[in-house]
């Protein structure tokens, strides 16, 4: 199941080390959204901003198809 993450800091460790402004914007709730496989303990995450999508963590078919 795919969830839109409201507490984006929970996905921050999955994107650790990424130097992408678009990902930071999603994590800081400025623009875009973060979707995850679990709202409490995400193992897979997807940051979406406009036409751009970044995946992090464990590969997830559900997130990719979303």
N, C-alpha and C. Protein backbone atom coordinates (compact mmCIF):
# COMPACT_ATOMS: atom_id res chain seq x y z
N UNK A 1 0.84 -1.17 0.00
CA UNK A 1 0.00 0.00 0.00
C UNK A 1 0.90 1.24 0.00
N UNK A 2 0.44 2.30 -0.64
CA UNK A 2 1.20 3.54 -0.76
C UNK A 2 0.52 4.62 0.09
N UNK A 3 1.32 5.35 0.86
CA UNK A 3 0.82 6.40 1.73
C UNK A 3 1.52 7.71 1.43
N UNK A 4 0.78 8.82 1.45
CA UNK A 4 1.43 10.13 1.38
C UNK A 4 1.91 10.45 2.79
N UNK A 5 3.17 10.76 2.92
CA UNK A 5 3.77 10.97 4.23
C UNK A 5 3.57 12.40 4.68
N UNK A 6 2.95 12.58 5.83
CA UNK A 6 2.74 13.91 6.40
C UNK A 6 3.94 14.33 7.24
N UNK A 7 4.52 13.39 7.98
CA UNK A 7 5.72 13.66 8.78
C UNK A 7 6.94 13.29 7.94
N UNK A 8 7.31 14.20 7.05
CA UNK A 8 8.34 13.90 6.05
C UNK A 8 9.70 13.60 6.66
N UNK A 9 9.94 14.02 7.90
CA UNK A 9 11.24 13.74 8.53
C UNK A 9 11.47 12.24 8.68
N UNK A 10 10.41 11.44 8.67
CA UNK A 10 10.55 9.99 8.77
C UNK A 10 11.21 9.40 7.53
N UNK A 11 11.12 10.08 6.40
CA UNK A 11 11.75 9.60 5.16
C UNK A 11 13.14 10.18 4.96
N UNK A 12 13.52 11.16 5.73
CA UNK A 12 14.81 11.83 5.56
C UNK A 12 16.00 10.86 5.56
N UNK A 13 16.03 9.85 6.44
CA UNK A 13 17.18 8.93 6.39
C UNK A 13 17.31 8.16 5.08
N UNK A 14 16.20 7.92 4.40
CA UNK A 14 16.24 7.21 3.12
C UNK A 14 16.89 8.06 2.03
N UNK A 15 16.78 9.37 2.14
CA UNK A 15 17.35 10.28 1.15
C UNK A 15 18.67 10.89 1.63
N UNK A 16 19.23 10.37 2.71
CA UNK A 16 20.47 10.91 3.26
C UNK A 16 21.59 10.89 2.22
N UNK A 17 22.28 12.01 2.09
CA UNK A 17 23.39 12.12 1.15
C UNK A 17 22.99 12.61 -0.23
N UNK A 18 21.70 12.69 -0.52
CA UNK A 18 21.26 13.18 -1.82
C UNK A 18 21.44 14.69 -1.85
N UNK A 19 22.01 15.20 -2.91
CA UNK A 19 22.23 16.63 -3.07
C UNK A 19 21.28 17.19 -4.13
N UNK A 20 20.02 16.95 -3.96
CA UNK A 20 18.99 17.40 -4.92
C UNK A 20 18.04 18.38 -4.24
N UNK A 21 17.99 19.59 -4.75
CA UNK A 21 17.11 20.61 -4.20
C UNK A 21 15.65 20.17 -4.22
N UNK A 22 15.27 19.43 -5.26
CA UNK A 22 13.88 18.99 -5.36
C UNK A 22 13.51 18.05 -4.21
N UNK A 23 14.42 17.19 -3.82
CA UNK A 23 14.17 16.28 -2.69
C UNK A 23 14.07 17.07 -1.40
N UNK A 24 14.97 18.01 -1.20
CA UNK A 24 14.92 18.85 0.01
C UNK A 24 13.60 19.61 0.08
N UNK A 25 13.12 20.10 -1.06
CA UNK A 25 11.85 20.83 -1.08
C UNK A 25 10.70 19.93 -0.63
N UNK A 26 10.71 18.68 -1.05
CA UNK A 26 9.67 17.74 -0.63
C UNK A 26 9.79 17.44 0.86
N UNK A 27 11.00 17.19 1.33
CA UNK A 27 11.21 16.86 2.74
C UNK A 27 10.86 18.03 3.66
N UNK A 28 11.09 19.24 3.17
CA UNK A 28 10.79 20.44 3.97
C UNK A 28 9.36 20.94 3.77
N UNK A 29 8.57 20.23 2.97
CA UNK A 29 7.17 20.56 2.70
C UNK A 29 7.00 21.90 2.00
N UNK A 30 8.01 22.31 1.24
CA UNK A 30 7.93 23.55 0.48
C UNK A 30 7.14 23.31 -0.81
N UNK A 31 7.52 22.25 -1.53
CA UNK A 31 6.85 21.85 -2.76
C UNK A 31 6.95 20.34 -2.87
N UNK A 32 6.03 19.73 -3.58
CA UNK A 32 6.08 18.30 -3.84
C UNK A 32 5.55 17.48 -2.68
N UNK A 33 5.68 16.17 -2.84
CA UNK A 33 5.16 15.22 -1.84
C UNK A 33 6.10 14.04 -1.69
N UNK A 34 6.00 13.38 -0.55
CA UNK A 34 6.74 12.16 -0.28
C UNK A 34 5.72 11.04 -0.09
N UNK A 35 5.89 9.95 -0.82
CA UNK A 35 5.05 8.77 -0.67
C UNK A 35 5.92 7.62 -0.19
N UNK A 36 5.37 6.79 0.68
CA UNK A 36 6.13 5.70 1.30
C UNK A 36 5.30 4.42 1.36
N UNK A 37 5.99 3.34 1.71
CA UNK A 37 5.31 2.05 1.86
C UNK A 37 4.69 1.87 3.24
N UNK A 38 5.18 2.64 4.23
CA UNK A 38 4.66 2.57 5.59
C UNK A 38 4.78 3.95 6.23
N UNK A 39 3.70 4.50 6.77
CA UNK A 39 3.80 5.84 7.36
C UNK A 39 4.59 5.89 8.66
N UNK A 40 4.69 4.76 9.35
CA UNK A 40 5.41 4.73 10.63
C UNK A 40 6.89 4.41 10.47
N UNK A 41 7.20 3.39 9.67
CA UNK A 41 8.58 2.95 9.46
C UNK A 41 8.83 2.72 7.98
N UNK A 42 8.99 3.79 7.22
CA UNK A 42 9.17 3.61 5.77
C UNK A 42 10.50 2.95 5.42
N UNK A 43 10.42 1.96 4.54
CA UNK A 43 11.62 1.30 4.00
C UNK A 43 11.84 1.74 2.56
N UNK A 44 10.78 2.22 1.92
CA UNK A 44 10.83 2.69 0.53
C UNK A 44 10.14 4.05 0.47
N UNK A 45 10.73 4.95 -0.32
CA UNK A 45 10.14 6.29 -0.43
C UNK A 45 10.24 6.79 -1.86
N UNK A 46 9.33 7.71 -2.19
CA UNK A 46 9.30 8.32 -3.50
C UNK A 46 9.00 9.81 -3.29
N UNK A 47 9.89 10.65 -3.77
CA UNK A 47 9.68 12.10 -3.72
C UNK A 47 9.21 12.54 -5.10
N UNK A 48 8.08 13.23 -5.15
CA UNK A 48 7.51 13.68 -6.42
C UNK A 48 7.38 15.20 -6.39
N UNK A 49 7.91 15.82 -7.44
CA UNK A 49 7.78 17.26 -7.60
C UNK A 49 7.62 17.53 -9.09
N UNK A 50 6.41 17.91 -9.47
CA UNK A 50 6.12 18.14 -10.88
C UNK A 50 6.26 16.85 -11.68
N UNK A 51 7.07 16.88 -12.73
CA UNK A 51 7.31 15.71 -13.57
C UNK A 51 8.47 14.86 -13.08
N UNK A 52 9.08 15.23 -11.96
CA UNK A 52 10.27 14.54 -11.46
C UNK A 52 9.90 13.62 -10.30
N UNK A 53 10.54 12.47 -10.28
CA UNK A 53 10.28 11.47 -9.25
C UNK A 53 11.62 10.85 -8.84
N UNK A 54 11.87 10.78 -7.54
CA UNK A 54 13.09 10.20 -7.01
C UNK A 54 12.72 9.08 -6.04
N UNK A 55 13.33 7.93 -6.22
CA UNK A 55 13.08 6.78 -5.34
C UNK A 55 14.26 6.59 -4.40
N UNK A 56 13.97 6.11 -3.19
CA UNK A 56 15.03 5.82 -2.22
C UNK A 56 14.61 4.64 -1.37
N UNK A 57 15.60 4.00 -0.77
CA UNK A 57 15.34 2.85 0.09
C UNK A 57 15.24 1.57 -0.71
N UNK A 58 14.50 0.62 -0.17
CA UNK A 58 14.33 -0.67 -0.82
C UNK A 58 13.44 -0.53 -2.06
N UNK A 59 13.74 -1.22 -3.13
CA UNK A 59 12.88 -1.16 -4.32
C UNK A 59 11.45 -1.59 -3.98
N UNK A 60 10.49 -0.86 -4.50
CA UNK A 60 9.08 -1.16 -4.22
C UNK A 60 8.29 -1.08 -5.52
N UNK A 61 7.73 -2.20 -5.92
CA UNK A 61 6.91 -2.26 -7.13
C UNK A 61 5.69 -1.35 -6.98
N UNK A 62 5.08 -1.35 -5.80
CA UNK A 62 3.89 -0.55 -5.57
C UNK A 62 4.16 0.94 -5.77
N UNK A 63 5.27 1.43 -5.25
CA UNK A 63 5.61 2.84 -5.42
C UNK A 63 5.88 3.16 -6.89
N UNK A 64 6.59 2.27 -7.56
CA UNK A 64 6.91 2.50 -8.98
C UNK A 64 5.65 2.54 -9.84
N UNK A 65 4.68 1.72 -9.53
CA UNK A 65 3.44 1.70 -10.29
C UNK A 65 2.49 2.84 -9.93
N UNK A 66 2.69 3.43 -8.75
CA UNK A 66 1.83 4.50 -8.29
C UNK A 66 1.98 5.71 -9.18
